[in-house]
Amino acid sequence: MRLTVHRLTHLPEQHHHHARHILQGRSLPADQPFLLATFNDRAVALAWRQGEQVIFFAVRDITRRRGVGSELLRQLKEDAKADGCTRLELSLSSVPAEQATGLADFFTTAGFNRNKGVLSCSL
């Protein structure tokens, strides 16, 4: 099977177990679209934004370094652009401290610029 990114407003029951590992205690947005990446019918990554602001972005640790994050970010950018956004930003202050360095490195490698704790890119 292949990696699939779904744009959803609610999480299908079959993905609840794996999504808990990705969310690490956070909640999905209520009545707001989010992206769910699945591989072999298992949830492997989640992301969502509000306007130009990336609110949450996480790939399950056992699935990292396989292109999942890159595809999820590509889809997040595509959706933002389709919604009329001209840029995307991620504030590192909203990221758990133990994940900030890795996420900043990933976003920087993906073309985001870092300025005073905010990662941003033009779409």
PDB file of N, CA and C in Angstrom:
ATOM      1  N   MET A   1       0.844  -1.179   0.000  1.00  0.00           N
ATOM      2  CA  MET A   1       0.000   0.000   0.000  1.00  0.00           C
ATOM      3  C   MET A   1       0.885   1.237   0.000  1.00  0.00           C
ATOM      4  N   ARG A   2       0.264   2.373  -0.234  1.00  0.00           N
ATOM      5  CA  ARG A   2       1.033   3.604  -0.300  1.00  0.00           C
ATOM      6  C   ARG A   2       0.561   4.606   0.744  1.00  0.00           C
ATOM      7  N   LEU A   3       1.337   5.641   0.877  1.00  0.00           N
ATOM      8  CA  LEU A   3       0.997   6.728   1.779  1.00  0.00           C
ATOM      9  C   LEU A   3      -0.155   7.529   1.192  1.00  0.00           C
ATOM     10  N   THR A   4      -1.137   7.832   2.026  1.00  0.00           N
ATOM     11  CA  THR A   4      -2.280   8.632   1.609  1.00  0.00           C
ATOM     12  C   THR A   4      -2.502   9.726   2.641  1.00  0.00           C
ATOM     13  N   VAL A   5      -2.748  10.937   2.164  1.00  0.00           N
ATOM     14  CA  VAL A   5      -3.064  12.046   3.053  1.00  0.00           C
ATOM     15  C   VAL A   5      -4.533  12.388   2.849  1.00  0.00           C
ATOM     16  N   HIS A   6      -5.288  12.361   3.946  1.00  0.00           N
ATOM     17  CA  HIS A   6      -6.725  12.614   3.914  1.00  0.00           C
ATOM     18  C   HIS A   6      -7.012  13.968   4.561  1.00  0.00           C
ATOM     19  N   ARG A   7      -7.918  14.718   3.985  1.00  0.00           N
ATOM     20  CA  ARG A   7      -8.392  15.963   4.604  1.00  0.00           C
ATOM     21  C   ARG A   7      -9.729  15.627   5.260  1.00  0.00           C
ATOM     22  N   LEU A   8      -9.781  15.719   6.598  1.00  0.00           N
ATOM     23  CA  LEU A   8     -10.942  15.261   7.357  1.00  0.00           C
ATOM     24  C   LEU A   8     -11.426  16.328   8.341  1.00  0.00           C
ATOM     25  N   THR A   9     -12.624  16.133   8.851  1.00  0.00           N
ATOM     26  CA  THR A   9     -13.133  16.968   9.952  1.00  0.00           C
ATOM     27  C   THR A   9     -13.430  16.117  11.180  1.00  0.00           C
ATOM     28  N   HIS A  10     -13.371  14.796  11.023  1.00  0.00           N
ATOM     29  CA  HIS A  10     -13.482  13.899  12.179  1.00  0.00           C
ATOM     30  C   HIS A  10     -12.624  12.661  11.904  1.00  0.00           C
ATOM     31  N   LEU A  11     -12.143  12.075  12.965  1.00  0.00           N
ATOM     32  CA  LEU A  11     -11.241  10.933  12.858  1.00  0.00           C
ATOM     33  C   LEU A  11     -12.038   9.633  12.783  1.00  0.00           C
ATOM     34  N   PRO A  12     -11.840   8.840  11.736  1.00  0.00           N
ATOM     35  CA  PRO A  12     -12.525   7.546  11.656  1.00  0.00           C
ATOM     36  C   PRO A  12     -12.100   6.646  12.828  1.00  0.00           C
ATOM     37  N   GLU A  13     -13.021   5.865  13.304  1.00  0.00           N
ATOM     38  CA  GLU A  13     -12.811   5.013  14.477  1.00  0.00           C
ATOM     39  C   GLU A  13     -11.570   4.130  14.344  1.00  0.00           C
ATOM     40  N   GLN A  14     -11.324   3.592  13.158  1.00  0.00           N
ATOM     41  CA  GLN A  14     -10.199   2.667  13.000  1.00  0.00           C
ATOM     42  C   GLN A  14      -8.845   3.340  13.203  1.00  0.00           C
ATOM     43  N   HIS A  15      -8.789   4.669  13.227  1.00  0.00           N
ATOM     44  CA  HIS A  15      -7.517   5.374  13.392  1.00  0.00           C
ATOM     45  C   HIS A  15      -7.314   5.955  14.789  1.00  0.00           C
ATOM     46  N   HIS A  16      -8.272   5.778  15.683  1.00  0.00           N
ATOM     47  CA  HIS A  16      -8.159   6.359  17.028  1.00  0.00           C
ATOM     48  C   HIS A  16      -6.928   5.872  17.783  1.00  0.00           C
ATOM     49  N   HIS A  17      -6.665   4.585  17.755  1.00  0.00           N
ATOM     50  CA  HIS A  17      -5.546   4.035  18.520  1.00  0.00           C
ATOM     51  C   HIS A  17      -4.210   4.651  18.098  1.00  0.00           C
ATOM     52  N   HIS A  18      -3.915   4.628  16.810  1.00  0.00           N
ATOM     53  CA  HIS A  18      -2.636   5.160  16.337  1.00  0.00           C
ATOM     54  C   HIS A  18      -2.582   6.677  16.450  1.00  0.00           C
ATOM     55  N   ALA A  19      -3.705   7.339  16.284  1.00  0.00           N
ATOM     56  CA  ALA A  19      -3.737   8.804  16.411  1.00  0.00           C
ATOM     57  C   ALA A  19      -3.366   9.243  17.821  1.00  0.00           C
ATOM     58  N   ARG A  20      -3.739   8.470  18.821  1.00  0.00           N
ATOM     59  CA  ARG A  20      -3.358   8.816  20.204  1.00  0.00           C
ATOM     60  C   ARG A  20      -1.841   8.881  20.364  1.00  0.00           C
ATOM     61  N   HIS A  21      -1.127   8.001  19.687  1.00  0.00           N
ATOM     62  CA  HIS A  21       0.344   8.018  19.749  1.00  0.00           C
ATOM     63  C   HIS A  21       0.899   9.288  19.101  1.00  0.00           C
ATOM     64  N   ILE A  22       0.257   9.738  18.052  1.00  0.00           N
ATOM     65  CA  ILE A  22       0.715  10.935  17.344  1.00  0.00           C
ATOM     66  C   ILE A  22       0.369  12.193  18.133  1.00  0.00           C
ATOM     67  N   LEU A  23      -0.826  12.252  18.675  1.00  0.00           N
ATOM     68  CA  LEU A  23      -1.311  13.460  19.371  1.00  0.00           C
ATOM     69  C   LEU A  23      -0.623  13.690  20.713  1.00  0.00           C
ATOM     70  N   GLN A  24      -0.153  12.646  21.357  1.00  0.00           N
ATOM     71  CA  GLN A  24       0.548  12.747  22.634  1.00  0.00           C
ATOM     72  C   GLN A  24      -0.187  13.646  23.635  1.00  0.00           C
ATOM     73  N   GLY A  25      -1.456  13.356  23.831  1.00  0.00           N
ATOM     74  CA  GLY A  25      -2.244  14.076  24.828  1.00  0.00           C
ATOM     75  C   GLY A  25      -2.974  15.300  24.311  1.00  0.00           C
ATOM     76  N   ARG A  26      -2.709  15.721  23.093  1.00  0.00           N
ATOM     77  CA  ARG A  26      -3.422  16.866  22.531  1.00  0.00           C
ATOM     78  C   ARG A  26      -4.717  16.384  21.905  1.00  0.00           C
ATOM     79  N   SER A  27      -5.617  17.314  21.655  1.00  0.00           N
ATOM     80  CA  SER A  27      -6.903  16.984  21.043  1.00  0.00           C
ATOM     81  C   SER A  27      -6.945  17.454  19.595  1.00  0.00           C
ATOM     82  N   LEU A  28      -7.688  16.740  18.796  1.00  0.00           N
ATOM     83  CA  LEU A  28      -7.921  17.180  17.427  1.00  0.00           C
ATOM     84  C   LEU A  28      -8.780  18.442  17.447  1.00  0.00           C
ATOM     85  N   PRO A  29      -8.675  19.277  16.434  1.00  0.00           N
ATOM     86  CA  PRO A  29      -9.512  20.482  16.396  1.00  0.00           C
ATOM     87  C   PRO A  29     -10.979  20.098  16.207  1.00  0.00           C
ATOM     88  N   ALA A  30     -11.850  20.791  16.896  1.00  0.00           N
ATOM     89  CA  ALA A  30     -13.285  20.519  16.785  1.00  0.00           C
ATOM     90  C   ALA A  30     -13.851  21.223  15.550  1.00  0.00           C
ATOM     91  N   ASP A  31     -14.546  20.479  14.723  1.00  0.00           N
ATOM     92  CA  ASP A  31     -15.220  21.019  13.540  1.00  0.00           C
ATOM     93  C   ASP A  31     -14.307  21.857  12.654  1.00  0.00           C
ATOM     94  N   GLN A  32     -13.065  21.454  12.547  1.00  0.00           N
ATOM     95  CA  GLN A  32     -12.093  22.151  11.694  1.00  0.00           C
ATOM     96  C   GLN A  32     -11.321  21.092  10.928  1.00  0.00           C
ATOM     97  N   PRO A  33     -11.035  21.334   9.658  1.00  0.00           N
ATOM     98  CA  PRO A  33     -10.296  20.334   8.884  1.00  0.00           C
ATOM     99  C   PRO A  33      -8.895  20.088   9.434  1.00  0.00           C
ATOM    100  N   PHE A  34      -8.456  18.858   9.295  1.00  0.00           N
ATOM    101  CA  PHE A  34      -7.091  18.478   9.631  1.00  0.00           C
ATOM    102  C   PHE A  34      -6.637  17.457   8.604  1.00  0.00           C
ATOM    103  N   LEU A  35      -5.340  17.245   8.542  1.00  0.00           N
ATOM    104  CA  LEU A  35      -4.778  16.260   7.621  1.00  0.00           C
ATOM    105  C   LEU A  35      -4.338  15.036   8.402  1.00  0.00           C
ATOM    106  N   LEU A  36      -4.696  13.883   7.893  1.00  0.00           N
ATOM    107  CA  LEU A  36      -4.304  12.604   8.464  1.00  0.00           C
ATOM    108  C   LEU A  36      -3.559  11.826   7.391  1.00  0.00           C
ATOM    109  N   ALA A  37      -2.328  11.446   7.691  1.00  0.00           N
ATOM    110  CA  ALA A  37      -1.567  10.604   6.766  1.00  0.00           C
ATOM    111  C   ALA A  37      -1.681   9.163   7.239  1.00  0.00           C
ATOM    112  N   THR A  38      -1.972   8.276   6.305  1.00  0.00           N
ATOM    113  CA  THR A  38      -2.067   6.854   6.624  1.00  0.00           C
ATOM    114  C   THR A  38      -1.123   6.070   5.717  1.00  0.00           C
ATOM    115  N   PHE A  39      -0.609   4.990   6.262  1.00  0.00           N
ATOM    116  CA  PHE A  39       0.214   4.059   5.507  1.00  0.00           C
ATOM    117  C   PHE A  39      -0.206   2.667   5.946  1.00  0.00           C
ATOM    118  N   ASN A  40      -0.499   1.808   4.978  1.00  0.00           N
ATOM    119  CA  ASN A  40      -1.024   0.478   5.281  1.00  0.00           C
ATOM    120  C   ASN A  40      -2.223   0.566   6.218  1.00  0.00           C
ATOM    121  N   ASP A  41      -3.067   1.542   5.974  1.00  0.00           N
ATOM    122  CA  ASP A  41      -4.306   1.761   6.715  1.00  0.00           C
ATOM    123  C   ASP A  41      -4.085   2.050   8.201  1.00  0.00           C
ATOM    124  N   ARG A  42      -2.904   2.592   8.539  1.00  0.00           N
ATOM    125  CA  ARG A  42      -2.617   3.004   9.915  1.00  0.00           C
ATOM    126  C   ARG A  42      -2.301   4.493   9.917  1.00  0.00           C
ATOM    127  N   ALA A  43      -2.804   5.194  10.905  1.00  0.00           N
ATOM    128  CA  ALA A  43      -2.495   6.621  11.046  1.00  0.00           C
ATOM    129  C   ALA A  43      -1.022   6.766  11.393  1.00  0.00           C
ATOM    130  N   VAL A  44      -0.296   7.590  10.614  1.00  0.00           N
ATOM    131  CA  VAL A  44       1.130   7.780  10.860  1.00  0.00           C
ATOM    132  C   VAL A  44       1.504   9.245  11.080  1.00  0.00           C
ATOM    133  N   ALA A  45       0.601  10.188  10.749  1.00  0.00           N
ATOM    134  CA  ALA A  45       0.915  11.608  10.937  1.00  0.00           C
ATOM    135  C   ALA A  45      -0.358  12.434  10.928  1.00  0.00           C
ATOM    136  N   LEU A  46      -0.288  13.570  11.620  1.00  0.00           N
ATOM    137  CA  LEU A  46      -1.413  14.508  11.675  1.00  0.00           C
ATOM    138  C   LEU A  46      -0.884  15.935  11.590  1.00  0.00           C
ATOM    139  N   ALA A  47      -1.682  16.810  10.992  1.00  0.00           N
ATOM    140  CA  ALA A  47      -1.334  18.234  10.948  1.00  0.00           C
ATOM    141  C   ALA A  47      -2.606  19.048  10.766  1.00  0.00           C
ATOM    142  N   TRP A  48      -2.587  20.272  11.305  1.00  0.00           N
ATOM    143  CA  TRP A  48      -3.655  21.214  11.018  1.00  0.00           C
ATOM    144  C   TRP A  48      -3.152  22.629  11.191  1.00  0.00           C
ATOM    145  N   ARG A  49      -3.912  23.542  10.626  1.00  0.00           N
ATOM    146  CA  ARG A  49      -3.559  24.951  10.666  1.00  0.00           C
ATOM    147  C   ARG A  49      -4.812  25.784  10.850  1.00  0.00           C
ATOM    148  N   GLN A  50      -4.604  27.026  11.237  1.00  0.00           N
ATOM    149  CA  GLN A  50      -5.665  28.026  11.253  1.00  0.00           C
ATOM    150  C   GLN A  50      -5.150  29.170  10.420  1.00  0.00           C
ATOM    151  N   GLY A  51      -5.754  29.374   9.276  1.00  0.00           N
ATOM    152  CA  GLY A  51      -5.256  30.383   8.355  1.00  0.00           C
ATOM    153  C   GLY A  51      -3.831  30.047   7.952  1.00  0.00           C
ATOM    154  N   GLU A  52      -2.926  30.998   8.163  1.00  0.00           N
ATOM    155  CA  GLU A  52      -1.526  30.811   7.786  1.00  0.00           C
ATOM    156  C   GLU A  52      -0.686  30.179   8.896  1.00  0.00           C
ATOM    157  N   GLN A  53      -1.275  29.925  10.048  1.00  0.00           N
ATOM    158  CA  GLN A  53      -0.549  29.428  11.210  1.00  0.00           C
ATOM    159  C   GLN A  53      -0.664  27.905  11.326  1.00  0.00           C
ATOM    160  N   VAL A  54       0.472  27.216  11.291  1.00  0.00           N
ATOM    161  CA  VAL A  54       0.489  25.772  11.536  1.00  0.00           C
ATOM    162  C   VAL A  54       0.326  25.587  13.042  1.00  0.00           C
ATOM    163  N   ILE A  55      -0.726  24.895  13.428  1.00  0.00           N
ATOM    164  CA  ILE A  55      -1.034  24.696  14.842  1.00  0.00           C
ATOM    165  C   ILE A  55      -0.422  23.399  15.359  1.00  0.00           C
ATOM    166  N   PHE A  56      -0.470  22.367  14.540  1.00  0.00           N
ATOM    167  CA  PHE A  56       0.030  21.054  14.966  1.00  0.00           C
ATOM    168  C   PHE A  56       0.609  20.343  13.759  1.00  0.00           C
ATOM    169  N   PHE A  57       1.756  19.688  13.967  1.00  0.00           N
ATOM    170  CA  PHE A  57       2.395  18.907  12.915  1.00  0.00           C
ATOM    171  C   PHE A  57       3.203  17.812  13.597  1.00  0.00           C
ATOM    172  N   ALA A  58       2.834  16.564  13.375  1.00  0.00           N
ATOM    173  CA  ALA A  58       3.562  15.468  14.016  1.00  0.00           C
ATOM    174  C   ALA A  58       3.490  14.206  13.169  1.00  0.00           C
ATOM    175  N   VAL A  59       4.626  13.518  13.131  1.00  0.00           N
ATOM    176  CA  VAL A  59       4.742  12.225  12.464  1.00  0.00           C
ATOM    177  C   VAL A  59       5.084  11.215  13.547  1.00  0.00           C
ATOM    178  N   ARG A  60       4.419  10.107  13.521  1.00  0.00           N
ATOM    179  CA  ARG A  60       4.679   9.066  14.520  1.00  0.00           C
ATOM    180  C   ARG A  60       6.148   8.668  14.477  1.00  0.00           C
ATOM    181  N   ASP A  61       6.764   8.569  15.628  1.00  0.00           N
ATOM    182  CA  ASP A  61       8.214   8.369  15.715  1.00  0.00           C
ATOM    183  C   ASP A  61       8.716   7.153  14.948  1.00  0.00           C
ATOM    184  N   ILE A  62       7.970   6.068  14.922  1.00  0.00           N
ATOM    185  CA  ILE A  62       8.434   4.868  14.220  1.00  0.00           C
ATOM    186  C   ILE A  62       8.327   4.995  12.699  1.00  0.00           C
ATOM    187  N   THR A  63       7.757   6.088  12.216  1.00  0.00           N
ATOM    188  CA  THR A  63       7.547   6.276  10.782  1.00  0.00           C
ATOM    189  C   THR A  63       8.416   7.399  10.211  1.00  0.00           C
ATOM    190  N   ARG A  64       9.208   8.045  11.031  1.00  0.00           N
ATOM    191  CA  ARG A  64      10.000   9.185  10.569  1.00  0.00           C
ATOM    192  C   ARG A  64      11.099   8.761   9.600  1.00  0.00           C
ATOM    193  N   ARG A  65      11.524   9.740   8.805  1.00  0.00           N
ATOM    194  CA  ARG A  65      12.603   9.573   7.813  1.00  0.00           C
ATOM    195  C   ARG A  65      12.218   8.641   6.664  1.00  0.00           C
ATOM    196  N   ARG A  66      10.922   8.675   6.319  1.00  0.00           N
ATOM    197  CA  ARG A  66      10.441   7.863   5.199  1.00  0.00           C
ATOM    198  C   ARG A  66       9.623   8.691   4.218  1.00  0.00           C
ATOM    199  N   GLY A  67       9.679  10.027   4.360  1.00  0.00           N
ATOM    200  CA  GLY A  67       8.969  10.905   3.433  1.00  0.00           C
ATOM    201  C   GLY A  67       7.565  11.275   3.861  1.00  0.00           C
ATOM    202  N   VAL A  68       7.118  10.755   4.994  1.00  0.00           N
ATOM    203  CA  VAL A  68       5.759  11.032   5.464  1.00  0.00           C
ATOM    204  C   VAL A  68       5.597  12.519   5.781  1.00  0.00           C
ATOM    205  N   GLY A  69       6.533  13.070   6.539  1.00  0.00           N
ATOM    206  CA  GLY A  69       6.456  14.487   6.899  1.00  0.00           C
ATOM    207  C   GLY A  69       6.513  15.387   5.688  1.00  0.00           C
ATOM    208  N   SER A  70       7.360  15.058   4.731  1.00  0.00           N
ATOM    209  CA  SER A  70       7.479  15.862   3.509  1.00  0.00           C
ATOM    210  C   SER A  70       6.167  15.880   2.740  1.00  0.00           C
ATOM    211  N   GLU A  71       5.536  14.727   2.617  1.00  0.00           N
ATOM    212  CA  GLU A  71       4.262  14.660   1.903  1.00  0.00           C
ATOM    213  C   GLU A  71       3.167  15.389   2.677  1.00  0.00           C
ATOM    214  N   LEU A  72       3.156  15.249   3.989  1.00  0.00           N
ATOM    215  CA  LEU A  72       2.163  15.940   4.809  1.00  0.00           C
ATOM    216  C   LEU A  72       2.334  17.450   4.691  1.00  0.00           C
ATOM    217  N   LEU A  73       3.560  17.930   4.735  1.00  0.00           N
ATOM    218  CA  LEU A  73       3.822  19.363   4.612  1.00  0.00           C
ATOM    219  C   LEU A  73       3.467  19.858   3.214  1.00  0.00           C
ATOM    220  N   ARG A  74       3.758  19.079   2.194  1.00  0.00           N
ATOM    221  CA  ARG A  74       3.380  19.453   0.828  1.00  0.00           C
ATOM    222  C   ARG A  74       1.878  19.653   0.720  1.00  0.00           C
ATOM    223  N   GLN A  75       1.117  18.731   1.303  1.00  0.00           N
ATOM    224  CA  GLN A  75      -0.343  18.826   1.260  1.00  0.00           C
ATOM    225  C   GLN A  75      -0.837  20.011   2.099  1.00  0.00           C
ATOM    226  N   LEU A  76      -0.217  20.252   3.241  1.00  0.00           N
ATOM    227  CA  LEU A  76      -0.589  21.385   4.088  1.00  0.00           C
ATOM    228  C   LEU A  76      -0.379  22.693   3.328  1.00  0.00           C
ATOM    229  N   LYS A  77       0.738  22.812   2.624  1.00  0.00           N
ATOM    230  CA  LYS A  77       1.011  24.007   1.816  1.00  0.00           C
ATOM    231  C   LYS A  77      -0.006  24.149   0.684  1.00  0.00           C
ATOM    232  N   GLU A  78      -0.281  23.041   0.019  1.00  0.00           N
ATOM    233  CA  GLU A  78      -1.228  23.055  -1.099  1.00  0.00           C
ATOM    234  C   GLU A  78      -2.618  23.503  -0.631  1.00  0.00           C
ATOM    235  N   ASP A  79      -3.068  22.970   0.494  1.00  0.00           N
ATOM    236  CA  ASP A  79      -4.374  23.350   1.034  1.00  0.00           C
ATOM    237  C   ASP A  79      -4.398  24.824   1.438  1.00  0.00           C
ATOM    238  N   ALA A  80      -3.319  25.295   2.055  1.00  0.00           N
ATOM    239  CA  ALA A  80      -3.245  26.698   2.469  1.00  0.00           C
ATOM    240  C   ALA A  80      -3.305  27.620   1.252  1.00  0.00           C
ATOM    241  N   LYS A  81      -2.568  27.270   0.228  1.00  0.00           N
ATOM    242  CA  LYS A  81      -2.567  28.074  -0.998  1.00  0.00           C
ATOM    243  C   LYS A  81      -3.952  28.081  -1.642  1.00  0.00           C
ATOM    244  N   ALA A  82      -4.606  26.933  -1.667  1.00  0.00           N
ATOM    245  CA  ALA A  82      -5.952  26.843  -2.237  1.00  0.00           C
ATOM    246  C   ALA A  82      -6.956  27.687  -1.445  1.00  0.00           C
ATOM    247  N   ASP A  83      -6.684  27.867  -0.155  1.00  0.00           N
ATOM    248  CA  ASP A  83      -7.551  28.686   0.693  1.00  0.00           C
ATOM    249  C   ASP A  83      -7.197  30.167   0.638  1.00  0.00           C
ATOM    250  N   GLY A  84      -6.240  30.539  -0.211  1.00  0.00           N
ATOM    251  CA  GLY A  84      -5.886  31.937  -0.391  1.00  0.00           C
ATOM    252  C   GLY A  84      -4.752  32.444   0.487  1.00  0.00           C
ATOM    253  N   CYS A  85      -4.106  31.553   1.218  1.00  0.00           N
ATOM    254  CA  CYS A  85      -2.970  31.970   2.050  1.00  0.00           C
ATOM    255  C   CYS A  85      -1.756  32.232   1.160  1.00  0.00           C
ATOM    256  N   THR A  86      -0.924  33.165   1.560  1.00  0.00           N
ATOM    257  CA  THR A  86       0.282  33.474   0.802  1.00  0.00           C
ATOM    258  C   THR A  86       1.548  33.000   1.514  1.00  0.00           C
ATOM    259  N   ARG A  87       1.389  32.534   2.752  1.00  0.00           N
ATOM    260  CA  ARG A  87       2.534  32.038   3.519  1.00  0.00           C
ATOM    261  C   ARG A  87       2.050  31.068   4.589  1.00  0.00           C
ATOM    262  N   LEU A  88       2.969  30.319   5.148  1.00  0.00           N
ATOM    263  CA  LEU A  88       2.698  29.457   6.294  1.00  0.00           C
ATOM    264  C   LEU A  88       3.716  29.786   7.373  1.00  0.00           C
ATOM    265  N   GLU A  89       3.276  29.762   8.626  1.00  0.00           N
ATOM    266  CA  GLU A  89       4.154  30.030   9.758  1.00  0.00           C
ATOM    267  C   GLU A  89       3.932  28.999  10.856  1.00  0.00           C
ATOM    268  N   LEU A  90       5.022  28.702  11.559  1.00  0.00           N
ATOM    269  CA  LEU A  90       4.962  27.837  12.729  1.00  0.00           C
ATOM    270  C   LEU A  90       5.726  28.524  13.840  1.00  0.00           C
ATOM    271  N   SER A  91       5.045  28.806  14.932  1.00  0.00           N
ATOM    272  CA  SER A  91       5.694  29.405  16.094  1.00  0.00           C
ATOM    273  C   SER A  91       6.265  28.289  16.947  1.00  0.00           C
ATOM    274  N   LEU A  92       7.571  28.327  17.174  1.00  0.00           N
ATOM    275  CA  LEU A  92       8.213  27.275  17.963  1.00  0.00           C
ATOM    276  C   LEU A  92       7.802  27.334  19.421  1.00  0.00           C
ATOM    277  N   SER A  93       7.257  28.458  19.876  1.00  0.00           N
ATOM    278  CA  SER A  93       6.807  28.545  21.269  1.00  0.00           C
ATOM    279  C   SER A  93       5.589  27.656  21.522  1.00  0.00           C
ATOM    280  N   SER A  94       4.888  27.252  20.461  1.00  0.00           N
ATOM    281  CA  SER A  94       3.720  26.384  20.619  1.00  0.00           C
ATOM    282  C   SER A  94       4.076  24.900  20.520  1.00  0.00           C
ATOM    283  N   VAL A  95       5.354  24.606  20.317  1.00  0.00           N
ATOM    284  CA  VAL A  95       5.824  23.231  20.156  1.00  0.00           C
ATOM    285  C   VAL A  95       6.447  22.764  21.468  1.00  0.00           C
ATOM    286  N   PRO A  96       6.134  21.535  21.922  1.00  0.00           N
ATOM    287  CA  PRO A  96       6.793  21.031  23.132  1.00  0.00           C
ATOM    288  C   PRO A  96       8.321  21.125  22.993  1.00  0.00           C
ATOM    289  N   ALA A  97       8.986  21.545  24.059  1.00  0.00           N
ATOM    290  CA  ALA A  97      10.428  21.814  24.035  1.00  0.00           C
ATOM    291  C   ALA A  97      11.237  20.634  23.502  1.00  0.00           C
ATOM    292  N   GLU A  98      10.860  19.416  23.876  1.00  0.00           N
ATOM    293  CA  GLU A  98      11.633  18.250  23.446  1.00  0.00           C
ATOM    294  C   GLU A  98      11.488  17.963  21.946  1.00  0.00           C
ATOM    295  N   GLN A  99      10.520  18.588  21.285  1.00  0.00           N
ATOM    296  CA  GLN A  99      10.311  18.375  19.854  1.00  0.00           C
ATOM    297  C   GLN A  99      10.725  19.568  19.003  1.00  0.00           C
ATOM    298  N   ALA A 100      10.999  20.703  19.632  1.00  0.00           N
ATOM    299  CA  ALA A 100      11.240  21.952  18.903  1.00  0.00           C
ATOM    300  C   ALA A 100      12.452  21.867  17.970  1.00  0.00           C
ATOM    301  N   THR A 101      13.551  21.318  18.428  1.00  0.00           N
ATOM    302  CA  THR A 101      14.758  21.274  17.596  1.00  0.00           C
ATOM    303  C   THR A 101      14.541  20.422  16.354  1.00  0.00           C
ATOM    304  N   GLY A 102      14.001  19.233  16.539  1.00  0.00           N
ATOM    305  CA  GLY A 102      13.758  18.341  15.401  1.00  0.00           C
ATOM    306  C   GLY A 102      12.776  18.929  14.410  1.00  0.00           C
ATOM    307  N   LEU A 103      11.709  19.531  14.915  1.00  0.00           N
ATOM    308  CA  LEU A 103      10.705  20.123  14.032  1.00  0.00           C
ATOM    309  C   LEU A 103      11.282  21.339  13.307  1.00  0.00           C
ATOM    310  N   ALA A 104      12.062  22.155  14.011  1.00  0.00           N
ATOM    311  CA  ALA A 104      12.695  23.322  13.378  1.00  0.00           C
ATOM    312  C   ALA A 104      13.651  22.864  12.275  1.00  0.00           C
ATOM    313  N   ASP A 105      14.428  21.820  12.540  1.00  0.00           N
ATOM    314  CA  ASP A 105      15.346  21.300  11.523  1.00  0.00           C
ATOM    315  C   ASP A 105      14.579  20.800  10.301  1.00  0.00           C
ATOM    316  N   PHE A 106      13.493  20.076  10.534  1.00  0.00           N
ATOM    317  CA  PHE A 106      12.686  19.552   9.430  1.00  0.00           C
ATOM    318  C   PHE A 106      12.100  20.690   8.595  1.00  0.00           C
ATOM    319  N   PHE A 107      11.471  21.671   9.244  1.00  0.00           N
ATOM    320  CA  PHE A 107      10.853  22.777   8.518  1.00  0.00           C
ATOM    321  C   PHE A 107      11.902  23.619   7.796  1.00  0.00           C
ATOM    322  N   THR A 108      13.063  23.818   8.396  1.00  0.00           N
ATOM    323  CA  THR A 108      14.134  24.586   7.753  1.00  0.00           C
ATOM    324  C   THR A 108      14.630  23.853   6.501  1.00  0.00           C
ATOM    325  N   THR A 109      14.815  22.560   6.612  1.00  0.00           N
ATOM    326  CA  THR A 109      15.224  21.760   5.460  1.00  0.00           C
ATOM    327  C   THR A 109      14.176  21.818   4.353  1.00  0.00           C
ATOM    328  N   ALA A 110      12.914  21.984   4.731  1.00  0.00           N
ATOM    329  CA  ALA A 110      11.816  22.047   3.766  1.00  0.00           C
ATOM    330  C   ALA A 110      11.627  23.452   3.188  1.00  0.00           C
ATOM    331  N   GLY A 111      12.528  24.383   3.521  1.00  0.00           N
ATOM    332  CA  GLY A 111      12.465  25.706   2.901  1.00  0.00           C
ATOM    333  C   GLY A 111      11.905  26.818   3.764  1.00  0.00           C
ATOM    334  N   PHE A 112      11.619  26.543   5.022  1.00  0.00           N
ATOM    335  CA  PHE A 112      11.123  27.576   5.919  1.00  0.00           C
ATOM    336  C   PHE A 112      12.306  28.386   6.454  1.00  0.00           C
ATOM    337  N   ASN A 113      12.086  29.669   6.668  1.00  0.00           N
ATOM    338  CA  ASN A 113      13.094  30.553   7.246  1.00  0.00           C
ATOM    339  C   ASN A 113      12.778  30.755   8.714  1.00  0.00           C
ATOM    340  N   ARG A 114      13.831  30.847   9.516  1.00  0.00           N
ATOM    341  CA  ARG A 114      13.652  31.030  10.955  1.00  0.00           C
ATOM    342  C   ARG A 114      13.952  32.472  11.328  1.00  0.00           C
ATOM    343  N   ASN A 115      13.022  33.086  12.040  1.00  0.00           N
ATOM    344  CA  ASN A 115      13.207  34.463  12.497  1.00  0.00           C
ATOM    345  C   ASN A 115      12.571  34.616  13.876  1.00  0.00           C
ATOM    346  N   LYS A 116      13.401  34.727  14.895  1.00  0.00           N
ATOM    347  CA  LYS A 116      12.936  34.955  16.266  1.00  0.00           C
ATOM    348  C   LYS A 116      11.899  33.922  16.722  1.00  0.00           C
ATOM    349  N   GLY A 117      12.199  32.672  16.551  1.00  0.00           N
ATOM    350  CA  GLY A 117      11.321  31.618  17.035  1.00  0.00           C
ATOM    351  C   GLY A 117      10.132  31.307  16.159  1.00  0.00           C
ATOM    352  N   VAL A 118      10.068  31.916  14.963  1.00  0.00           N
ATOM    353  CA  VAL A 118       8.981  31.642  14.039  1.00  0.00           C
ATOM    354  C   VAL A 118       9.587  31.132  12.730  1.00  0.00           C
ATOM    355  N   LEU A 119       9.060  30.030  12.259  1.00  0.00           N
ATOM    356  CA  LEU A 119       9.461  29.471  10.969  1.00  0.00           C
ATOM    357  C   LEU A 119       8.406  29.863   9.958  1.00  0.00           C
ATOM    358  N   SER A 120       8.815  30.366   8.803  1.00  0.00           N
ATOM    359  CA  SER A 120       7.829  30.784   7.807  1.00  0.00           C
ATOM    360  C   SER A 120       8.336  30.524   6.394  1.00  0.00           C
ATOM    361  N   CYS A 121       7.386  30.402   5.480  1.00  0.00           N
ATOM    362  CA  CYS A 121       7.716  30.272   4.064  1.00  0.00           C
ATOM    363  C   CYS A 121       6.603  30.876   3.228  1.00  0.00           C
ATOM    364  N   SER A 122       6.972  31.392   2.084  1.00  0.00           N
ATOM    365  CA  SER A 122       5.995  31.911   1.133  1.00  0.00           C
ATOM    366  C   SER A 122       5.440  30.752   0.327  1.00  0.00           C
ATOM    367  N   LEU A 123       4.196  30.879  -0.059  1.00  0.00           N
ATOM    368  CA  LEU A 123       3.555  29.800  -0.838  1.00  0.00           C
ATOM    369  C   LEU A 123       3.511  30.144  -2.311  1.00  0.00           C
TER     370      LEU A 123
END
